[in-house]
Amino acid sequence: MKDIKQSNRPLIVENDFIVTTYDIDIAGHLNNVVYVRWLEDLRRIFFDEHYPVKNLLSLNLYPVIASTNIKYKRQIKLFDKPKGFMWLEKIDRIILKLKAEFTVNGSVAAFAEQKCVIYNLETSQIVKPPEIIFHTFIQETNVKNVFM
């Protein structure tokens, strides 16, 4: 199987997750809400690595999720050792399109997409992401047609 880090996934981050007994629903597999929690964890790791939320907060900005879409491919069960990946797929003016994948033993268990916007805490409005985010994405992908 191709190493996920070698594929075209700009600014990718990863995390190993632990499935606990309280993550399992009555059907014996991972409860859907756990995927949302894990997406939160991956997004925190993503921002910590590429543009810390602390830096955004110093500008009175905060990343907010506008939408989440998850496609489930196979069950994750107790004692599985899932790994999560998240990367910045695209920037379109004010929307950061984050993609994620959860795998167990190299097999995809779920795909996810989140649309994230930057919210100005002073004006209560959605604003364009800081330029450094655009520049980091452009540098990583060599994409020149990012909508800024």
N, C-alpha and C. Protein backbone atom coordinates (compact mmCIF):
# COMPACT_ATOMS: atom_id res chain seq x y z
N MET A 1 0.85 -1.19 0.00
CA MET A 1 0.00 0.00 0.00
C MET A 1 0.89 1.24 0.00
N LYS A 2 0.47 2.25 -0.77
CA LYS A 2 1.23 3.50 -0.86
C LYS A 2 1.19 4.22 0.48
N ASP A 3 2.35 4.73 0.88
CA ASP A 3 2.44 5.49 2.12
C ASP A 3 1.61 6.76 1.99
N ILE A 4 0.68 6.94 2.92
CA ILE A 4 -0.22 8.09 2.86
C ILE A 4 0.54 9.41 2.91
N LYS A 5 1.68 9.44 3.57
CA LYS A 5 2.48 10.67 3.64
C LYS A 5 3.09 11.01 2.29
N GLN A 6 3.25 10.03 1.39
CA GLN A 6 3.86 10.28 0.09
C GLN A 6 2.85 10.74 -0.94
N SER A 7 1.58 10.65 -0.64
CA SER A 7 0.58 11.05 -1.62
C SER A 7 0.40 12.56 -1.59
N ASN A 8 -0.38 13.07 -2.51
CA ASN A 8 -0.58 14.51 -2.64
C ASN A 8 -1.61 15.01 -1.63
N ARG A 9 -1.17 15.20 -0.41
CA ARG A 9 -2.04 15.66 0.67
C ARG A 9 -1.31 16.77 1.41
N PRO A 10 -1.52 18.01 0.95
CA PRO A 10 -0.76 19.13 1.51
C PRO A 10 -0.97 19.35 3.01
N LEU A 11 0.14 19.61 3.68
CA LEU A 11 0.15 19.96 5.10
C LEU A 11 -0.46 18.86 5.97
N ILE A 12 -0.26 17.62 5.59
CA ILE A 12 -0.88 16.49 6.29
C ILE A 12 -0.34 16.34 7.71
N VAL A 13 -1.26 16.01 8.60
CA VAL A 13 -0.91 15.64 9.97
C VAL A 13 -1.53 14.28 10.26
N GLU A 14 -1.03 13.61 11.27
CA GLU A 14 -1.58 12.30 11.61
C GLU A 14 -1.61 12.11 13.12
N ASN A 15 -2.44 11.16 13.54
CA ASN A 15 -2.56 10.86 14.96
C ASN A 15 -3.04 9.42 15.12
N ASP A 16 -2.49 8.73 16.11
CA ASP A 16 -2.98 7.41 16.48
C ASP A 16 -4.07 7.60 17.52
N PHE A 17 -5.16 6.86 17.36
CA PHE A 17 -6.28 6.96 18.30
C PHE A 17 -6.42 5.65 19.07
N ILE A 18 -7.01 5.74 20.24
CA ILE A 18 -7.30 4.58 21.07
C ILE A 18 -8.81 4.43 21.16
N VAL A 19 -9.30 3.26 20.84
CA VAL A 19 -10.73 2.97 20.97
C VAL A 19 -10.97 2.48 22.39
N THR A 20 -11.80 3.20 23.12
CA THR A 20 -12.09 2.83 24.51
C THR A 20 -13.49 2.23 24.59
N THR A 21 -13.80 1.61 25.70
CA THR A 21 -15.10 0.96 25.85
C THR A 21 -16.25 1.95 25.70
N TYR A 22 -16.07 3.17 26.17
CA TYR A 22 -17.17 4.14 26.06
C TYR A 22 -17.31 4.72 24.66
N ASP A 23 -16.39 4.39 23.75
CA ASP A 23 -16.51 4.80 22.34
C ASP A 23 -17.38 3.84 21.53
N ILE A 24 -17.68 2.69 22.10
CA ILE A 24 -18.38 1.63 21.37
C ILE A 24 -19.88 1.72 21.67
N ASP A 25 -20.68 1.59 20.60
CA ASP A 25 -22.13 1.62 20.80
C ASP A 25 -22.68 0.21 20.97
N ILE A 26 -23.98 0.09 21.08
CA ILE A 26 -24.60 -1.21 21.37
C ILE A 26 -24.39 -2.23 20.26
N ALA A 27 -24.12 -1.76 19.04
CA ALA A 27 -23.86 -2.66 17.91
C ALA A 27 -22.43 -3.19 17.92
N GLY A 28 -21.60 -2.69 18.83
CA GLY A 28 -20.24 -3.20 18.96
C GLY A 28 -19.21 -2.50 18.11
N HIS A 29 -19.60 -1.40 17.50
CA HIS A 29 -18.61 -0.65 16.72
C HIS A 29 -18.55 0.80 17.19
N LEU A 30 -17.58 1.53 16.67
CA LEU A 30 -17.34 2.90 17.08
C LEU A 30 -18.57 3.77 16.84
N ASN A 31 -18.99 4.48 17.88
CA ASN A 31 -20.12 5.39 17.77
C ASN A 31 -19.75 6.53 16.83
N ASN A 32 -20.69 6.95 15.99
CA ASN A 32 -20.43 7.99 15.00
C ASN A 32 -19.93 9.29 15.60
N VAL A 33 -20.37 9.63 16.79
CA VAL A 33 -19.96 10.89 17.42
C VAL A 33 -18.46 10.89 17.72
N VAL A 34 -17.87 9.72 17.86
CA VAL A 34 -16.44 9.63 18.14
C VAL A 34 -15.64 10.15 16.94
N TYR A 35 -16.11 9.88 15.74
CA TYR A 35 -15.43 10.40 14.56
C TYR A 35 -15.38 11.93 14.59
N VAL A 36 -16.45 12.55 15.03
CA VAL A 36 -16.49 14.01 15.12
C VAL A 36 -15.48 14.49 16.15
N ARG A 37 -15.41 13.80 17.28
CA ARG A 37 -14.42 14.16 18.31
C ARG A 37 -13.00 14.00 17.76
N TRP A 38 -12.76 12.92 17.04
CA TRP A 38 -11.44 12.69 16.46
C TRP A 38 -11.11 13.73 15.39
N LEU A 39 -12.11 14.19 14.64
CA LEU A 39 -11.87 15.27 13.68
C LEU A 39 -11.45 16.54 14.41
N GLU A 40 -12.06 16.81 15.56
CA GLU A 40 -11.65 17.95 16.38
C GLU A 40 -10.19 17.81 16.81
N ASP A 41 -9.82 16.61 17.23
CA ASP A 41 -8.43 16.36 17.63
C ASP A 41 -7.47 16.60 16.46
N LEU A 42 -7.82 16.06 15.29
CA LEU A 42 -6.96 16.24 14.12
C LEU A 42 -6.86 17.70 13.71
N ARG A 43 -7.97 18.42 13.79
CA ARG A 43 -7.93 19.84 13.41
C ARG A 43 -7.08 20.64 14.40
N ARG A 44 -7.14 20.30 15.67
CA ARG A 44 -6.27 20.96 16.66
C ARG A 44 -4.81 20.68 16.33
N ILE A 45 -4.49 19.44 16.02
CA ILE A 45 -3.12 19.08 15.65
C ILE A 45 -2.71 19.83 14.38
N PHE A 46 -3.61 19.89 13.41
CA PHE A 46 -3.33 20.60 12.16
C PHE A 46 -2.97 22.06 12.43
N PHE A 47 -3.80 22.74 13.20
CA PHE A 47 -3.52 24.15 13.50
C PHE A 47 -2.28 24.29 14.39
N ASP A 48 -2.10 23.41 15.35
CA ASP A 48 -0.89 23.48 16.19
C ASP A 48 0.37 23.42 15.33
N GLU A 49 0.35 22.58 14.32
CA GLU A 49 1.53 22.38 13.49
C GLU A 49 1.72 23.49 12.46
N HIS A 50 0.64 24.00 11.90
CA HIS A 50 0.76 24.91 10.76
C HIS A 50 0.44 26.38 11.06
N TYR A 51 -0.45 26.63 11.99
CA TYR A 51 -0.75 28.00 12.40
C TYR A 51 -1.54 27.93 13.71
N PRO A 52 -0.83 27.94 14.84
CA PRO A 52 -1.47 27.70 16.14
C PRO A 52 -2.67 28.62 16.42
N VAL A 53 -3.69 28.04 17.02
CA VAL A 53 -4.89 28.80 17.40
C VAL A 53 -4.51 29.95 18.31
N LYS A 54 -3.48 29.77 19.13
CA LYS A 54 -3.02 30.86 19.99
C LYS A 54 -2.66 32.09 19.16
N ASN A 55 -2.02 31.87 18.01
CA ASN A 55 -1.69 32.99 17.11
C ASN A 55 -2.95 33.63 16.54
N LEU A 56 -3.92 32.79 16.17
CA LEU A 56 -5.18 33.33 15.66
C LEU A 56 -5.87 34.15 16.75
N LEU A 57 -5.92 33.62 17.96
CA LEU A 57 -6.58 34.34 19.05
C LEU A 57 -5.91 35.68 19.35
N SER A 58 -4.60 35.76 19.16
CA SER A 58 -3.91 37.03 19.38
C SER A 58 -4.36 38.09 18.37
N LEU A 59 -4.95 37.63 17.26
CA LEU A 59 -5.51 38.54 16.24
C LEU A 59 -7.03 38.65 16.37
N ASN A 60 -7.57 38.10 17.47
CA ASN A 60 -9.02 38.04 17.70
C ASN A 60 -9.73 37.22 16.64
N LEU A 61 -9.06 36.17 16.18
CA LEU A 61 -9.62 35.27 15.18
C LEU A 61 -9.73 33.86 15.76
N TYR A 62 -10.67 33.08 15.20
CA TYR A 62 -10.84 31.71 15.66
C TYR A 62 -11.37 30.86 14.51
N PRO A 63 -10.83 29.62 14.33
CA PRO A 63 -11.35 28.75 13.27
C PRO A 63 -12.67 28.11 13.69
N VAL A 64 -13.65 28.17 12.80
CA VAL A 64 -14.98 27.63 13.07
C VAL A 64 -15.35 26.66 11.95
N ILE A 65 -15.93 25.53 12.32
CA ILE A 65 -16.37 24.56 11.33
C ILE A 65 -17.74 24.98 10.79
N ALA A 66 -17.82 25.10 9.46
CA ALA A 66 -19.08 25.45 8.80
C ALA A 66 -19.86 24.19 8.42
N SER A 67 -19.15 23.11 8.11
CA SER A 67 -19.83 21.85 7.78
C SER A 67 -18.88 20.68 7.97
N THR A 68 -19.48 19.52 8.24
CA THR A 68 -18.74 18.27 8.37
C THR A 68 -19.51 17.19 7.62
N ASN A 69 -18.78 16.42 6.82
CA ASN A 69 -19.38 15.31 6.09
C ASN A 69 -18.49 14.10 6.28
N ILE A 70 -19.07 12.99 6.75
CA ILE A 70 -18.30 11.77 7.00
C ILE A 70 -18.91 10.64 6.18
N LYS A 71 -18.06 9.88 5.49
CA LYS A 71 -18.49 8.70 4.74
C LYS A 71 -17.82 7.49 5.39
N TYR A 72 -18.65 6.59 5.88
CA TYR A 72 -18.15 5.41 6.58
C TYR A 72 -17.94 4.27 5.59
N LYS A 73 -16.79 3.62 5.67
CA LYS A 73 -16.45 2.54 4.74
C LYS A 73 -16.41 1.18 5.42
N ARG A 74 -15.93 1.13 6.66
CA ARG A 74 -15.88 -0.12 7.41
C ARG A 74 -15.92 0.20 8.90
N GLN A 75 -16.32 -0.78 9.67
CA GLN A 75 -16.44 -0.59 11.11
C GLN A 75 -15.08 -0.48 11.79
N ILE A 76 -15.06 0.29 12.84
CA ILE A 76 -13.94 0.29 13.77
C ILE A 76 -14.48 -0.29 15.07
N LYS A 77 -13.76 -1.28 15.61
CA LYS A 77 -14.23 -1.97 16.80
C LYS A 77 -13.23 -1.82 17.93
N LEU A 78 -13.68 -2.24 19.11
CA LEU A 78 -12.82 -2.25 20.29
C LEU A 78 -11.57 -3.07 19.98
N PHE A 79 -10.43 -2.58 20.41
CA PHE A 79 -9.11 -3.17 20.23
C PHE A 79 -8.50 -2.89 18.86
N ASP A 80 -9.25 -2.29 17.92
CA ASP A 80 -8.64 -1.81 16.68
C ASP A 80 -7.69 -0.68 17.03
N LYS A 81 -6.74 -0.43 16.16
CA LYS A 81 -5.77 0.65 16.37
C LYS A 81 -5.87 1.65 15.21
N PRO A 82 -6.87 2.53 15.27
CA PRO A 82 -7.08 3.46 14.17
C PRO A 82 -6.04 4.58 14.13
N LYS A 83 -5.80 5.03 12.93
CA LYS A 83 -4.90 6.15 12.68
C LYS A 83 -5.72 7.18 11.88
N GLY A 84 -5.54 8.45 12.23
CA GLY A 84 -6.25 9.51 11.52
C GLY A 84 -5.26 10.43 10.81
N PHE A 85 -5.69 10.94 9.68
CA PHE A 85 -4.89 11.86 8.88
C PHE A 85 -5.77 13.05 8.51
N MET A 86 -5.20 14.25 8.50
CA MET A 86 -5.94 15.43 8.05
C MET A 86 -4.99 16.30 7.24
N TRP A 87 -5.54 16.91 6.19
CA TRP A 87 -4.74 17.79 5.34
C TRP A 87 -5.63 18.89 4.78
N LEU A 88 -4.99 19.93 4.31
CA LEU A 88 -5.70 21.06 3.71
C LEU A 88 -5.82 20.79 2.21
N GLU A 89 -7.01 20.47 1.77
CA GLU A 89 -7.27 20.13 0.37
C GLU A 89 -7.28 21.36 -0.54
N LYS A 90 -7.88 22.44 -0.02
CA LYS A 90 -8.11 23.60 -0.88
C LYS A 90 -8.40 24.83 -0.03
N ILE A 91 -8.04 25.97 -0.55
CA ILE A 91 -8.45 27.25 0.03
C ILE A 91 -9.22 27.99 -1.04
N ASP A 92 -10.42 28.40 -0.73
CA ASP A 92 -11.24 29.15 -1.68
C ASP A 92 -11.74 30.42 -0.98
N ARG A 93 -11.02 31.49 -1.20
CA ARG A 93 -11.27 32.80 -0.58
C ARG A 93 -11.33 32.74 0.94
N ILE A 94 -12.47 32.39 1.51
CA ILE A 94 -12.60 32.38 2.96
C ILE A 94 -12.79 30.98 3.54
N ILE A 95 -12.86 29.97 2.68
CA ILE A 95 -13.13 28.61 3.15
C ILE A 95 -11.88 27.75 3.06
N LEU A 96 -11.52 27.15 4.20
CA LEU A 96 -10.45 26.16 4.23
C LEU A 96 -11.13 24.80 4.15
N LYS A 97 -10.83 24.05 3.09
CA LYS A 97 -11.43 22.74 2.91
C LYS A 97 -10.45 21.69 3.43
N LEU A 98 -10.78 21.13 4.59
CA LEU A 98 -9.95 20.11 5.23
C LEU A 98 -10.50 18.73 4.89
N LYS A 99 -9.61 17.82 4.58
CA LYS A 99 -10.02 16.43 4.34
C LYS A 99 -9.36 15.56 5.40
N ALA A 100 -10.01 14.44 5.71
CA ALA A 100 -9.48 13.52 6.71
C ALA A 100 -9.77 12.09 6.29
N GLU A 101 -8.97 11.21 6.85
CA GLU A 101 -9.14 9.78 6.59
C GLU A 101 -8.79 9.03 7.86
N PHE A 102 -9.59 8.03 8.17
CA PHE A 102 -9.32 7.15 9.30
C PHE A 102 -9.05 5.75 8.76
N THR A 103 -7.95 5.15 9.21
CA THR A 103 -7.58 3.82 8.73
C THR A 103 -7.34 2.88 9.90
N VAL A 104 -7.49 1.60 9.62
CA VAL A 104 -7.12 0.54 10.56
C VAL A 104 -6.31 -0.46 9.76
N ASN A 105 -5.08 -0.69 10.18
CA ASN A 105 -4.17 -1.60 9.48
C ASN A 105 -4.07 -1.27 7.99
N GLY A 106 -4.07 0.02 7.67
CA GLY A 106 -3.91 0.47 6.29
C GLY A 106 -5.18 0.47 5.47
N SER A 107 -6.28 -0.05 6.00
CA SER A 107 -7.56 -0.04 5.28
C SER A 107 -8.39 1.15 5.72
N VAL A 108 -9.00 1.82 4.77
CA VAL A 108 -9.79 3.00 5.08
C VAL A 108 -11.08 2.61 5.79
N ALA A 109 -11.32 3.23 6.94
CA ALA A 109 -12.56 3.02 7.69
C ALA A 109 -13.55 4.15 7.43
N ALA A 110 -13.04 5.37 7.21
CA ALA A 110 -13.93 6.51 6.96
C ALA A 110 -13.15 7.64 6.30
N PHE A 111 -13.88 8.40 5.48
CA PHE A 111 -13.38 9.64 4.90
C PHE A 111 -14.19 10.77 5.49
N ALA A 112 -13.60 11.94 5.62
CA ALA A 112 -14.35 13.10 6.12
C ALA A 112 -13.89 14.35 5.40
N GLU A 113 -14.79 15.31 5.36
CA GLU A 113 -14.47 16.63 4.82
C GLU A 113 -15.06 17.66 5.76
N GLN A 114 -14.27 18.66 6.08
CA GLN A 114 -14.77 19.76 6.89
C GLN A 114 -14.46 21.06 6.17
N LYS A 115 -15.43 21.96 6.19
CA LYS A 115 -15.21 23.31 5.69
C LYS A 115 -15.07 24.21 6.91
N CYS A 116 -13.95 24.90 6.95
CA CYS A 116 -13.59 25.73 8.10
C CYS A 116 -13.50 27.18 7.64
N VAL A 117 -13.99 28.07 8.46
CA VAL A 117 -13.86 29.51 8.19
C VAL A 117 -13.18 30.16 9.39
N ILE A 118 -12.65 31.33 9.16
CA ILE A 118 -12.01 32.09 10.24
C ILE A 118 -13.00 33.18 10.68
N TYR A 119 -13.26 33.18 11.96
CA TYR A 119 -14.27 34.07 12.55
C TYR A 119 -13.57 35.15 13.36
N ASN A 120 -13.95 36.40 13.11
CA ASN A 120 -13.40 37.53 13.85
C ASN A 120 -14.21 37.70 15.13
N LEU A 121 -13.56 37.54 16.27
CA LEU A 121 -14.26 37.60 17.56
C LEU A 121 -14.70 39.01 17.93
N GLU A 122 -14.06 40.03 17.36
CA GLU A 122 -14.46 41.42 17.64
C GLU A 122 -15.67 41.84 16.83
N THR A 123 -15.66 41.51 15.54
CA THR A 123 -16.73 41.97 14.65
C THR A 123 -17.84 40.95 14.47
N SER A 124 -17.62 39.73 14.97
CA SER A 124 -18.58 38.62 14.79
C SER A 124 -18.85 38.35 13.32
N GLN A 125 -17.80 38.43 12.52
CA GLN A 125 -17.94 38.18 11.08
C GLN A 125 -16.89 37.17 10.62
N ILE A 126 -17.21 36.49 9.54
CA ILE A 126 -16.25 35.60 8.90
C ILE A 126 -15.30 36.46 8.08
N VAL A 127 -14.01 36.15 8.20
CA VAL A 127 -12.99 36.94 7.50
C VAL A 127 -12.06 36.02 6.72
N LYS A 128 -11.28 36.63 5.86
CA LYS A 128 -10.28 35.90 5.09
C LYS A 128 -9.21 35.36 6.03
N PRO A 129 -8.75 34.12 5.81
CA PRO A 129 -7.68 33.58 6.66
C PRO A 129 -6.42 34.43 6.57
N PRO A 130 -5.58 34.41 7.60
CA PRO A 130 -4.32 35.15 7.54
C PRO A 130 -3.48 34.71 6.33
N GLU A 131 -2.76 35.67 5.76
CA GLU A 131 -1.95 35.42 4.56
C GLU A 131 -0.98 34.26 4.73
N ILE A 132 -0.44 34.07 5.92
CA ILE A 132 0.53 33.01 6.14
C ILE A 132 -0.05 31.64 5.81
N ILE A 133 -1.34 31.45 6.02
CA ILE A 133 -1.98 30.18 5.70
C ILE A 133 -1.97 29.96 4.19
N PHE A 134 -2.30 31.02 3.42
CA PHE A 134 -2.25 30.92 1.96
C PHE A 134 -0.83 30.61 1.49
N HIS A 135 0.14 31.34 2.02
CA HIS A 135 1.53 31.18 1.59
C HIS A 135 2.07 29.79 1.93
N THR A 136 1.72 29.28 3.10
CA THR A 136 2.16 27.94 3.48
C THR A 136 1.57 26.90 2.54
N PHE A 137 0.28 27.04 2.22
CA PHE A 137 -0.39 26.11 1.30
C PHE A 137 0.24 26.18 -0.09
N ILE A 138 0.47 27.38 -0.59
CA ILE A 138 1.08 27.56 -1.91
C ILE A 138 2.48 26.95 -1.94
N GLN A 139 3.25 27.18 -0.90
CA GLN A 139 4.61 26.65 -0.83
C GLN A 139 4.59 25.12 -0.82
N GLU A 140 3.67 24.53 -0.10
CA GLU A 140 3.59 23.08 0.01
C GLU A 140 3.11 22.42 -1.29
N THR A 141 2.23 23.07 -2.01
CA THR A 141 1.58 22.44 -3.18
C THR A 141 2.09 22.94 -4.51
N ASN A 142 2.81 24.07 -4.52
CA ASN A 142 3.20 24.72 -5.77
C ASN A 142 1.99 25.16 -6.59
N VAL A 143 0.83 25.29 -5.94
CA VAL A 143 -0.38 25.76 -6.60
C VAL A 143 -0.30 27.28 -6.64
N LYS A 144 -0.49 27.85 -7.80
CA LYS A 144 -0.40 29.31 -7.95
C LYS A 144 -1.76 29.97 -8.04
N ASN A 145 -2.82 29.17 -8.22
CA ASN A 145 -4.14 29.76 -8.46
C ASN A 145 -5.05 29.67 -7.24
N VAL A 146 -4.48 29.79 -6.07
CA VAL A 146 -5.29 29.82 -4.84
C VAL A 146 -6.02 31.14 -4.81
N PHE A 147 -7.31 31.09 -4.54
CA PHE A 147 -8.08 32.32 -4.45
C PHE A 147 -7.76 33.04 -3.16
N MET A 148 -7.14 34.17 -3.28
CA MET A 148 -6.79 34.96 -2.11
C MET A 148 -7.65 36.19 -2.12
